[in-house]
Amino acid sequence: MATSTSNTSAAQKQIDRLADNAHGAIDRASEMAERVGDKTGELWGMKDDYVESARDYVKHNPLMALGLALAAGYLFGKISSWR
């Protein structure tokens, strides 16, 4: 009977340790998800800023923007047609 009690105690300690590790992992995953959520909002804000600055640039320099778009399209066409 003493062996059975010590085996049960050891098993319970191992289960408790595994449960603590699982809780820690869940807490870390939750914190990481929260940080990713914060960064996602920040990146969407940056995207809006870049789009707005591109619109302003095109409004002030329409011919330059057209030339850049044509050049980029030409280069993309050349690169994508390479075999």
N, C-alpha and C. Protein backbone atom coordinates (compact mmCIF):
# COMPACT_ATOMS: atom_id res chain seq x y z
N MET A 1 0.79 -1.19 0.00
CA MET A 1 0.00 0.00 0.00
C MET A 1 0.84 1.27 0.00
N ALA A 2 1.97 1.24 0.62
CA ALA A 2 2.83 2.42 0.69
C ALA A 2 3.33 2.79 -0.69
N THR A 3 3.61 1.81 -1.52
CA THR A 3 4.09 2.06 -2.87
C THR A 3 3.00 2.71 -3.70
N SER A 4 1.79 2.28 -3.54
CA SER A 4 0.66 2.84 -4.28
C SER A 4 0.46 4.30 -3.91
N THR A 5 0.60 4.63 -2.64
CA THR A 5 0.43 6.00 -2.18
C THR A 5 1.54 6.89 -2.72
N SER A 6 2.77 6.41 -2.73
CA SER A 6 3.88 7.20 -3.22
C SER A 6 3.79 7.39 -4.74
N ASN A 7 3.30 6.35 -5.45
CA ASN A 7 3.10 6.49 -6.89
C ASN A 7 2.01 7.51 -7.20
N THR A 8 0.95 7.51 -6.42
CA THR A 8 -0.14 8.46 -6.60
C THR A 8 0.35 9.88 -6.31
N SER A 9 1.14 10.02 -5.27
CA SER A 9 1.68 11.33 -4.91
C SER A 9 2.60 11.85 -6.01
N ALA A 10 3.46 11.00 -6.55
CA ALA A 10 4.37 11.40 -7.61
C ALA A 10 3.59 11.76 -8.88
N ALA A 11 2.57 10.97 -9.17
CA ALA A 11 1.75 11.25 -10.35
C ALA A 11 1.02 12.58 -10.17
N GLN A 12 0.52 12.85 -8.98
CA GLN A 12 -0.20 14.11 -8.72
C GLN A 12 0.75 15.29 -8.86
N LYS A 13 1.98 15.14 -8.38
CA LYS A 13 2.97 16.22 -8.50
C LYS A 13 3.29 16.49 -9.97
N GLN A 14 3.42 15.42 -10.75
CA GLN A 14 3.71 15.59 -12.17
C GLN A 14 2.52 16.25 -12.89
N ILE A 15 1.31 15.85 -12.55
CA ILE A 15 0.12 16.46 -13.14
C ILE A 15 0.06 17.94 -12.79
N ASP A 16 0.34 18.28 -11.54
CA ASP A 16 0.34 19.68 -11.11
C ASP A 16 1.39 20.48 -11.87
N ARG A 17 2.58 19.90 -12.05
CA ARG A 17 3.65 20.59 -12.77
C ARG A 17 3.25 20.81 -14.24
N LEU A 18 2.66 19.79 -14.85
CA LEU A 18 2.21 19.92 -16.24
C LEU A 18 1.10 20.97 -16.37
N ALA A 19 0.21 21.00 -15.40
CA ALA A 19 -0.87 21.99 -15.42
C ALA A 19 -0.30 23.41 -15.30
N ASP A 20 0.68 23.58 -14.42
CA ASP A 20 1.32 24.89 -14.27
C ASP A 20 2.00 25.31 -15.56
N ASN A 21 2.69 24.37 -16.20
CA ASN A 21 3.34 24.68 -17.48
C ASN A 21 2.32 25.05 -18.54
N ALA A 22 1.20 24.34 -18.57
CA ALA A 22 0.15 24.64 -19.55
C ALA A 22 -0.44 26.02 -19.30
N HIS A 23 -0.67 26.36 -18.06
CA HIS A 23 -1.20 27.69 -17.75
C HIS A 23 -0.21 28.78 -18.16
N GLY A 24 1.05 28.54 -17.92
CA GLY A 24 2.06 29.51 -18.33
C GLY A 24 2.09 29.69 -19.83
N ALA A 25 2.00 28.59 -20.56
CA ALA A 25 2.01 28.67 -22.03
C ALA A 25 0.78 29.42 -22.53
N ILE A 26 -0.36 29.17 -21.93
CA ILE A 26 -1.58 29.87 -22.33
C ILE A 26 -1.47 31.35 -22.04
N ASP A 27 -0.91 31.70 -20.90
CA ASP A 27 -0.72 33.12 -20.57
C ASP A 27 0.21 33.80 -21.57
N ARG A 28 1.31 33.13 -21.93
CA ARG A 28 2.24 33.72 -22.90
C ARG A 28 1.59 33.87 -24.26
N ALA A 29 0.81 32.88 -24.67
CA ALA A 29 0.13 32.95 -25.96
C ALA A 29 -0.89 34.08 -25.96
N SER A 30 -1.57 34.28 -24.86
CA SER A 30 -2.54 35.35 -24.76
C SER A 30 -1.87 36.72 -24.84
N GLU A 31 -0.74 36.87 -24.16
CA GLU A 31 0.01 38.13 -24.22
C GLU A 31 0.52 38.40 -25.63
N MET A 32 0.99 37.36 -26.31
CA MET A 32 1.50 37.53 -27.66
C MET A 32 0.36 37.92 -28.61
N ALA A 33 -0.79 37.31 -28.46
CA ALA A 33 -1.94 37.65 -29.30
C ALA A 33 -2.34 39.10 -29.08
N GLU A 34 -2.27 39.55 -27.85
CA GLU A 34 -2.60 40.94 -27.54
C GLU A 34 -1.61 41.89 -28.20
N ARG A 35 -0.32 41.56 -28.15
CA ARG A 35 0.70 42.40 -28.79
C ARG A 35 0.53 42.41 -30.30
N VAL A 36 0.21 41.26 -30.89
CA VAL A 36 -0.01 41.19 -32.33
C VAL A 36 -1.21 42.05 -32.71
N GLY A 37 -2.25 42.02 -31.90
CA GLY A 37 -3.42 42.85 -32.15
C GLY A 37 -3.07 44.33 -32.12
N ASP A 38 -2.24 44.72 -31.16
CA ASP A 38 -1.81 46.12 -31.08
C ASP A 38 -0.99 46.51 -32.30
N LYS A 39 -0.08 45.64 -32.72
CA LYS A 39 0.76 45.93 -33.90
C LYS A 39 -0.08 45.98 -35.17
N THR A 40 -1.11 45.13 -35.26
CA THR A 40 -1.97 45.14 -36.44
C THR A 40 -2.66 46.48 -36.58
N GLY A 41 -3.19 47.00 -35.48
CA GLY A 41 -3.82 48.31 -35.53
C GLY A 41 -2.83 49.39 -35.93
N GLU A 42 -1.63 49.29 -35.42
CA GLU A 42 -0.59 50.27 -35.75
C GLU A 42 -0.24 50.20 -37.24
N LEU A 43 -0.13 48.99 -37.77
CA LEU A 43 0.20 48.83 -39.20
C LEU A 43 -0.92 49.34 -40.09
N TRP A 44 -2.18 49.12 -39.71
CA TRP A 44 -3.29 49.66 -40.50
C TRP A 44 -3.25 51.19 -40.50
N GLY A 45 -2.89 51.77 -39.38
CA GLY A 45 -2.75 53.23 -39.31
C GLY A 45 -1.64 53.72 -40.22
N MET A 46 -0.52 52.99 -40.25
CA MET A 46 0.59 53.37 -41.12
C MET A 46 0.17 53.26 -42.59
N LYS A 47 -0.59 52.23 -42.92
CA LYS A 47 -1.07 52.06 -44.29
C LYS A 47 -1.91 53.26 -44.70
N ASP A 48 -2.79 53.69 -43.82
CA ASP A 48 -3.63 54.85 -44.13
C ASP A 48 -2.78 56.10 -44.36
N ASP A 49 -1.73 56.27 -43.55
CA ASP A 49 -0.84 57.41 -43.72
C ASP A 49 -0.12 57.37 -45.06
N TYR A 50 0.36 56.19 -45.45
CA TYR A 50 1.06 56.05 -46.73
C TYR A 50 0.12 56.29 -47.91
N VAL A 51 -1.09 55.79 -47.83
CA VAL A 51 -2.05 56.00 -48.91
C VAL A 51 -2.36 57.48 -49.05
N GLU A 52 -2.53 58.14 -47.93
CA GLU A 52 -2.83 59.58 -47.97
C GLU A 52 -1.65 60.37 -48.54
N SER A 53 -0.43 60.01 -48.16
CA SER A 53 0.72 60.73 -48.71
C SER A 53 0.89 60.45 -50.20
N ALA A 54 0.57 59.23 -50.64
CA ALA A 54 0.63 58.92 -52.08
C ALA A 54 -0.41 59.73 -52.84
N ARG A 55 -1.60 59.86 -52.28
CA ARG A 55 -2.64 60.68 -52.93
C ARG A 55 -2.20 62.13 -53.05
N ASP A 56 -1.62 62.64 -51.99
CA ASP A 56 -1.13 64.02 -52.03
C ASP A 56 -0.05 64.20 -53.09
N TYR A 57 0.86 63.23 -53.18
CA TYR A 57 1.94 63.31 -54.16
C TYR A 57 1.36 63.31 -55.57
N VAL A 58 0.40 62.44 -55.83
CA VAL A 58 -0.20 62.35 -57.17
C VAL A 58 -0.95 63.64 -57.49
N LYS A 59 -1.61 64.22 -56.52
CA LYS A 59 -2.33 65.49 -56.75
C LYS A 59 -1.37 66.61 -57.10
N HIS A 60 -0.22 66.64 -56.46
CA HIS A 60 0.74 67.72 -56.69
C HIS A 60 1.66 67.45 -57.88
N ASN A 61 1.88 66.20 -58.23
CA ASN A 61 2.80 65.83 -59.32
C ASN A 61 2.16 64.76 -60.21
N PRO A 62 1.11 65.09 -60.94
CA PRO A 62 0.42 64.04 -61.71
C PRO A 62 1.28 63.47 -62.85
N LEU A 63 2.06 64.28 -63.52
CA LEU A 63 2.88 63.77 -64.63
C LEU A 63 4.00 62.87 -64.12
N MET A 64 4.61 63.25 -63.02
CA MET A 64 5.66 62.41 -62.44
C MET A 64 5.07 61.08 -61.98
N ALA A 65 3.90 61.11 -61.37
CA ALA A 65 3.25 59.88 -60.92
C ALA A 65 2.92 58.98 -62.11
N LEU A 66 2.45 59.57 -63.19
CA LEU A 66 2.14 58.80 -64.39
C LEU A 66 3.41 58.17 -64.96
N GLY A 67 4.48 58.94 -65.02
CA GLY A 67 5.75 58.42 -65.52
C GLY A 67 6.28 57.28 -64.66
N LEU A 68 6.18 57.44 -63.35
CA LEU A 68 6.63 56.37 -62.44
C LEU A 68 5.78 55.11 -62.61
N ALA A 69 4.48 55.29 -62.78
CA ALA A 69 3.60 54.14 -62.96
C ALA A 69 3.92 53.42 -64.27
N LEU A 70 4.17 54.18 -65.34
CA LEU A 70 4.51 53.57 -66.61
C LEU A 70 5.86 52.83 -66.51
N ALA A 71 6.83 53.44 -65.89
CA ALA A 71 8.14 52.81 -65.74
C ALA A 71 8.04 51.54 -64.90
N ALA A 72 7.29 51.61 -63.82
CA ALA A 72 7.13 50.42 -62.96
C ALA A 72 6.42 49.31 -63.73
N GLY A 73 5.40 49.65 -64.50
CA GLY A 73 4.69 48.66 -65.30
C GLY A 73 5.59 48.03 -66.34
N TYR A 74 6.40 48.85 -66.99
CA TYR A 74 7.33 48.36 -68.00
C TYR A 74 8.34 47.39 -67.38
N LEU A 75 8.92 47.80 -66.25
CA LEU A 75 9.90 46.93 -65.58
C LEU A 75 9.26 45.63 -65.09
N PHE A 76 8.07 45.73 -64.55
CA PHE A 76 7.38 44.53 -64.08
C PHE A 76 7.11 43.59 -65.25
N GLY A 77 6.72 44.15 -66.39
CA GLY A 77 6.47 43.34 -67.57
C GLY A 77 7.74 42.65 -68.06
N LYS A 78 8.85 43.37 -68.04
CA LYS A 78 10.13 42.78 -68.46
C LYS A 78 10.57 41.66 -67.51
N ILE A 79 10.45 41.93 -66.24
CA ILE A 79 10.88 40.93 -65.24
C ILE A 79 10.00 39.69 -65.31
N SER A 80 8.69 39.89 -65.44
CA SER A 80 7.80 38.73 -65.43
C SER A 80 7.85 37.94 -66.74
N SER A 81 8.38 38.51 -67.81
CA SER A 81 8.46 37.79 -69.07
C SER A 81 9.78 37.03 -69.23
N TRP A 82 10.71 37.16 -68.30
CA TRP A 82 11.96 36.41 -68.35
C TRP A 82 11.68 34.94 -68.15
N ARG A 83 12.42 34.13 -68.84
CA ARG A 83 12.18 32.68 -68.75
C ARG A 83 13.26 32.00 -68.03
